[in-house]
Amino acid sequence: MTLVKRLAAPMFAALVAVPATAIAQDMGQGMAPQQAAPSPEEQVAQLDEMVGLDQAQQDQIVGYLTELQQGVGERQQEVQALEQQLLEHSGPNYDENAIRQAAAQLGDATAEIAADSVILQSRIEAAMTQEQRDALDEAARQQQEQMRQMQEQMQQQQQQQAPQ
């Protein structure tokens, strides 16, 4: 796997998975999102701008994203309930077995969320042509370069501002 492919994977995962998780967290906490995560349609529009999807691909990917958001929402509620169980079983009168059981279930739930995100990424990549995947790789490479340049600029500014 090339460096660019390794960089494209996290960028792509962030594009499609993080908004789903953010919505799930907001729903699980019973709060209105402070900054609404992009809808599946908005996420697909961003991807379309990068790689040029046809309508069938857009519809297919919107379906995948919608499915992920629903699944993550349910699992995120489970995660929050398990986190609450951990808190309830901790303290001076802790229950080690209950803590270990809740922690194991929490690990399973978060692993399922991670697996769903990777599977979603793979499904979306499978829906794209090689040319589109290459365009996504190039966008990831450009974003990585921009981030590197910004970090260098920040370091230079900090060095200039440091007392001598």
C-alpha atoms as a PDB file:
ATOM      1  CA  MET A   1       0.000   0.000   0.000  1.00  0.00           C
ATOM      2  CA  THR A   2       1.444   3.339  -1.000  1.00  0.00           C
ATOM      3  CA  LEU A   3       1.823   6.242   1.387  1.00  0.00           C
ATOM      4  CA  VAL A   4      -0.876   8.167  -0.449  1.00  0.00           C
ATOM      5  CA  LYS A   5      -3.286   5.235  -0.112  1.00  0.00           C
ATOM      6  CA  ARG A   6      -2.568   5.118   3.615  1.00  0.00           C
ATOM      7  CA  LEU A   7      -3.331   8.817   3.830  1.00  0.00           C
ATOM      8  CA  ALA A   8      -6.441   8.559   1.670  1.00  0.00           C
ATOM      9  CA  ALA A   9      -7.988   5.944   3.927  1.00  0.00           C
ATOM     10  CA  PRO A  10      -8.120   8.131   7.067  1.00  0.00           C
ATOM     11  CA  MET A  11      -9.275  11.155   5.078  1.00  0.00           C
ATOM     12  CA  PHE A  12     -12.019   9.142   3.457  1.00  0.00           C
ATOM     13  CA  ALA A  13     -13.007   7.512   6.731  1.00  0.00           C
ATOM     14  CA  ALA A  14     -13.213  10.929   8.350  1.00  0.00           C
ATOM     15  CA  LEU A  15     -15.328  12.240   5.506  1.00  0.00           C
ATOM     16  CA  VAL A  16     -17.917   9.497   5.828  1.00  0.00           C
ATOM     17  CA  ALA A  17     -17.712   8.112   9.353  1.00  0.00           C
ATOM     18  CA  VAL A  18     -17.078  10.971  11.741  1.00  0.00           C
ATOM     19  CA  PRO A  19     -20.278  12.843  10.880  1.00  0.00           C
ATOM     20  CA  ALA A  20     -22.263   9.676  11.523  1.00  0.00           C
ATOM     21  CA  THR A  21     -20.617   9.219  14.898  1.00  0.00           C
ATOM     22  CA  ALA A  22     -21.161  12.872  15.820  1.00  0.00           C
ATOM     23  CA  ILE A  23     -24.858  12.610  15.067  1.00  0.00           C
ATOM     24  CA  ALA A  24     -25.076   9.402  17.069  1.00  0.00           C
ATOM     25  CA  GLN A  25     -23.371  11.012  20.054  1.00  0.00           C
ATOM     26  CA  ASP A  26     -25.697  14.005  19.953  1.00  0.00           C
ATOM     27  CA  MET A  27     -28.742  11.754  19.705  1.00  0.00           C
ATOM     28  CA  GLY A  28     -27.512   9.483  22.492  1.00  0.00           C
ATOM     29  CA  GLN A  29     -27.029  12.425  24.828  1.00  0.00           C
ATOM     30  CA  GLY A  30     -30.509  13.742  24.095  1.00  0.00           C
ATOM     31  CA  MET A  31     -29.017  16.995  22.885  1.00  0.00           C
ATOM     32  CA  ALA A  32     -29.556  18.911  19.715  1.00  0.00           C
ATOM     33  CA  PRO A  33     -26.353  18.967  17.694  1.00  0.00           C
ATOM     34  CA  GLN A  34     -24.457  22.195  18.253  1.00  0.00           C
ATOM     35  CA  GLN A  35     -23.122  22.015  14.743  1.00  0.00           C
ATOM     36  CA  ALA A  36     -25.140  19.625  12.649  1.00  0.00           C
ATOM     37  CA  ALA A  37     -23.078  16.961  10.957  1.00  0.00           C
ATOM     38  CA  PRO A  38     -23.405  16.868   7.187  1.00  0.00           C
ATOM     39  CA  SER A  39     -26.256  14.753   5.883  1.00  0.00           C
ATOM     40  CA  PRO A  40     -25.464  11.726   3.725  1.00  0.00           C
ATOM     41  CA  GLU A  41     -26.449  13.808   0.702  1.00  0.00           C
ATOM     42  CA  GLU A  42     -24.044  16.588   1.706  1.00  0.00           C
ATOM     43  CA  GLN A  43     -21.236  14.093   2.297  1.00  0.00           C
ATOM     44  CA  VAL A  44     -21.833  12.529  -1.112  1.00  0.00           C
ATOM     45  CA  ALA A  45     -21.861  15.985  -2.708  1.00  0.00           C
ATOM     46  CA  GLN A  46     -18.400  16.612  -1.194  1.00  0.00           C
ATOM     47  CA  LEU A  47     -17.164  13.282  -2.497  1.00  0.00           C
ATOM     48  CA  ASP A  48     -18.734  14.006  -5.896  1.00  0.00           C
ATOM     49  CA  GLU A  49     -16.811  17.282  -6.089  1.00  0.00           C
ATOM     50  CA  MET A  50     -13.573  15.385  -5.488  1.00  0.00           C
ATOM     51  CA  VAL A  51     -14.080  12.399  -7.774  1.00  0.00           C
ATOM     52  CA  GLY A  52     -17.080  13.024 -10.081  1.00  0.00           C
ATOM     53  CA  LEU A  53     -19.683  10.406  -9.160  1.00  0.00           C
ATOM     54  CA  ASP A  54     -22.550   9.487 -11.479  1.00  0.00           C
ATOM     55  CA  GLN A  55     -26.138   9.535 -10.175  1.00  0.00           C
ATOM     56  CA  ALA A  56     -26.276   5.771  -9.568  1.00  0.00           C
ATOM     57  CA  GLN A  57     -23.075   5.947  -7.500  1.00  0.00           C
ATOM     58  CA  GLN A  58     -24.416   8.913  -5.541  1.00  0.00           C
ATOM     59  CA  ASP A  59     -27.660   7.078  -4.740  1.00  0.00           C
ATOM     60  CA  GLN A  60     -25.784   3.932  -3.737  1.00  0.00           C
ATOM     61  CA  ILE A  61     -23.371   5.802  -1.466  1.00  0.00           C
ATOM     62  CA  VAL A  62     -26.169   7.853   0.152  1.00  0.00           C
ATOM     63  CA  GLY A  63     -27.797   4.519   1.018  1.00  0.00           C
ATOM     64  CA  TYR A  64     -24.581   3.217   2.570  1.00  0.00           C
ATOM     65  CA  LEU A  65     -24.108   6.383   4.637  1.00  0.00           C
ATOM     66  CA  THR A  66     -27.713   6.396   5.829  1.00  0.00           C
ATOM     67  CA  GLU A  67     -27.396   2.762   6.880  1.00  0.00           C
ATOM     68  CA  LEU A  68     -24.173   3.518   8.766  1.00  0.00           C
ATOM     69  CA  GLN A  69     -25.665   6.494  10.597  1.00  0.00           C
ATOM     70  CA  GLN A  70     -28.588   4.405  11.803  1.00  0.00           C
ATOM     71  CA  GLY A  71     -26.348   1.556  12.964  1.00  0.00           C
ATOM     72  CA  VAL A  72     -23.839   3.839  14.657  1.00  0.00           C
ATOM     73  CA  GLY A  73     -26.653   5.702  16.403  1.00  0.00           C
ATOM     74  CA  GLU A  74     -27.934   2.482  17.939  1.00  0.00           C
ATOM     75  CA  ARG A  75     -24.461   1.324  18.929  1.00  0.00           C
ATOM     76  CA  GLN A  76     -23.544   4.716  20.369  1.00  0.00           C
ATOM     77  CA  GLN A  77     -26.545   4.499  22.694  1.00  0.00           C
ATOM     78  CA  GLU A  78     -25.297   1.078  23.780  1.00  0.00           C
ATOM     79  CA  VAL A  79     -21.802   2.520  24.351  1.00  0.00           C
ATOM     80  CA  GLN A  80     -23.182   5.293  26.544  1.00  0.00           C
ATOM     81  CA  ALA A  81     -25.233   2.835  28.590  1.00  0.00           C
ATOM     82  CA  LEU A  82     -22.143   0.674  29.125  1.00  0.00           C
ATOM     83  CA  GLU A  83     -20.073   3.701  30.130  1.00  0.00           C
ATOM     84  CA  GLN A  84     -22.759   4.522  32.691  1.00  0.00           C
ATOM     85  CA  GLN A  85     -22.612   0.948  34.005  1.00  0.00           C
ATOM     86  CA  LEU A  86     -18.864   1.275  34.455  1.00  0.00           C
ATOM     87  CA  LEU A  87     -19.370   4.414  36.522  1.00  0.00           C
ATOM     88  CA  GLU A  88     -22.071   2.779  38.624  1.00  0.00           C
ATOM     89  CA  HIS A  89     -19.836  -0.193  39.444  1.00  0.00           C
ATOM     90  CA  SER A  90     -16.784   1.904  40.335  1.00  0.00           C
ATOM     91  CA  GLY A  91     -15.874   3.600  43.594  1.00  0.00           C
ATOM     92  CA  PRO A  92     -14.965   2.342  47.058  1.00  0.00           C
ATOM     93  CA  ASN A  93     -17.531  -0.485  46.859  1.00  0.00           C
ATOM     94  CA  TYR A  94     -16.557  -1.486  43.327  1.00  0.00           C
ATOM     95  CA  ASP A  95     -17.700  -4.698  41.648  1.00  0.00           C
ATOM     96  CA  GLU A  96     -14.704  -6.009  39.706  1.00  0.00           C
ATOM     97  CA  ASN A  97     -16.639  -8.669  37.794  1.00  0.00           C
ATOM     98  CA  ALA A  98     -19.317  -6.194  36.719  1.00  0.00           C
ATOM     99  CA  ILE A  99     -16.647  -3.680  35.679  1.00  0.00           C
ATOM    100  CA  ARG A 100     -14.826  -6.286  33.599  1.00  0.00           C
ATOM    101  CA  GLN A 101     -18.055  -7.493  31.988  1.00  0.00           C
ATOM    102  CA  ALA A 102     -19.196  -3.963  31.097  1.00  0.00           C
ATOM    103  CA  ALA A 103     -15.705  -3.110  29.809  1.00  0.00           C
ATOM    104  CA  ALA A 104     -15.678  -6.195  27.581  1.00  0.00           C
ATOM    105  CA  GLN A 105     -19.104  -5.313  26.191  1.00  0.00           C
ATOM    106  CA  LEU A 106     -17.948  -1.727  25.661  1.00  0.00           C
ATOM    107  CA  GLY A 107     -14.935  -2.989  23.731  1.00  0.00           C
ATOM    108  CA  ASP A 108     -17.163  -5.167  21.562  1.00  0.00           C
ATOM    109  CA  ALA A 109     -19.528  -2.280  20.829  1.00  0.00           C
ATOM    110  CA  THR A 110     -16.757   0.138  19.883  1.00  0.00           C
ATOM    111  CA  ALA A 111     -15.104  -2.567  17.761  1.00  0.00           C
ATOM    112  CA  GLU A 112     -18.383  -3.005  15.877  1.00  0.00           C
ATOM    113  CA  ILE A 113     -18.535   0.738  15.204  1.00  0.00           C
ATOM    114  CA  ALA A 114     -14.970   0.643  13.872  1.00  0.00           C
ATOM    115  CA  ALA A 115     -15.718  -2.418  11.734  1.00  0.00           C
ATOM    116  CA  ASP A 116     -18.852  -0.796  10.312  1.00  0.00           C
ATOM    117  CA  SER A 117     -16.849   2.298   9.384  1.00  0.00           C
ATOM    118  CA  VAL A 118     -14.166   0.263   7.604  1.00  0.00           C
ATOM    119  CA  ILE A 119     -16.787  -1.838   5.813  1.00  0.00           C
ATOM    120  CA  LEU A 120     -18.572   1.339   4.724  1.00  0.00           C
ATOM    121  CA  GLN A 121     -15.327   2.778   3.387  1.00  0.00           C
ATOM    122  CA  SER A 122     -14.697  -0.442   1.465  1.00  0.00           C
ATOM    123  CA  ARG A 123     -18.225  -0.489   0.020  1.00  0.00           C
ATOM    124  CA  ILE A 124     -17.906   3.097  -1.136  1.00  0.00           C
ATOM    125  CA  GLU A 125     -14.497   2.466  -2.674  1.00  0.00           C
ATOM    126  CA  ALA A 126     -15.933  -0.590  -4.450  1.00  0.00           C
ATOM    127  CA  ALA A 127     -18.691   1.622  -5.892  1.00  0.00           C
ATOM    128  CA  MET A 128     -16.080   3.945  -7.415  1.00  0.00           C
ATOM    129  CA  THR A 129     -14.023   3.417 -10.553  1.00  0.00           C
ATOM    130  CA  GLN A 130     -10.244   3.141 -10.375  1.00  0.00           C
ATOM    131  CA  GLU A 131     -10.011   6.647 -11.822  1.00  0.00           C
ATOM    132  CA  GLN A 132     -12.222   7.970  -9.014  1.00  0.00           C
ATOM    133  CA  ARG A 133     -10.175   6.154  -6.369  1.00  0.00           C
ATOM    134  CA  ASP A 134      -7.037   7.671  -7.882  1.00  0.00           C
ATOM    135  CA  ALA A 135      -8.638  11.137  -7.708  1.00  0.00           C
ATOM    136  CA  LEU A 136      -9.469  10.527  -4.040  1.00  0.00           C
ATOM    137  CA  ASP A 137      -5.878   9.451  -3.394  1.00  0.00           C
ATOM    138  CA  GLU A 138      -4.640  12.643  -5.047  1.00  0.00           C
ATOM    139  CA  ALA A 139      -7.008  14.777  -2.957  1.00  0.00           C
ATOM    140  CA  ALA A 140      -5.686  13.059   0.178  1.00  0.00           C
ATOM    141  CA  ARG A 141      -2.106  13.692  -0.921  1.00  0.00           C
ATOM    142  CA  GLN A 142      -2.854  17.375  -1.492  1.00  0.00           C
ATOM    143  CA  GLN A 143      -4.584  17.692   1.869  1.00  0.00           C
ATOM    144  CA  GLN A 144      -1.639  16.030   3.605  1.00  0.00           C
ATOM    145  CA  GLU A 145       0.746  18.456   1.903  1.00  0.00           C
ATOM    146  CA  GLN A 146      -1.379  21.427   2.988  1.00  0.00           C
ATOM    147  CA  MET A 147      -1.409  20.162   6.563  1.00  0.00           C
ATOM    148  CA  ARG A 148       2.369  19.730   6.513  1.00  0.00           C
ATOM    149  CA  GLN A 149       2.828  23.280   5.226  1.00  0.00           C
ATOM    150  CA  MET A 150       0.501  24.684   7.884  1.00  0.00           C
ATOM    151  CA  GLN A 151       2.415  22.851  10.612  1.00  0.00           C
ATOM    152  CA  GLU A 152       5.688  24.246   9.324  1.00  0.00           C
ATOM    153  CA  GLN A 153       4.249  27.774   9.300  1.00  0.00           C
ATOM    154  CA  MET A 154       2.976  27.401  12.851  1.00  0.00           C
ATOM    155  CA  GLN A 155       6.361  26.133  14.040  1.00  0.00           C
ATOM    156  CA  GLN A 156       8.111  29.052  12.363  1.00  0.00           C
ATOM    157  CA  GLN A 157       5.708  31.526  13.982  1.00  0.00           C
ATOM    158  CA  GLN A 158       6.252  29.967  17.399  1.00  0.00           C
ATOM    159  CA  GLN A 159      10.014  30.134  16.985  1.00  0.00           C
ATOM    160  CA  GLN A 160       9.813  33.798  15.984  1.00  0.00           C
ATOM    161  CA  GLN A 161       7.605  34.639  18.969  1.00  0.00           C
ATOM    162  CA  ALA A 162       9.685  32.720  21.511  1.00  0.00           C
ATOM    163  CA  PRO A 163      11.559  34.988  23.957  1.00  0.00           C
ATOM    164  CA  GLN A 164      15.255  35.166  23.207  1.00  0.00           C
END
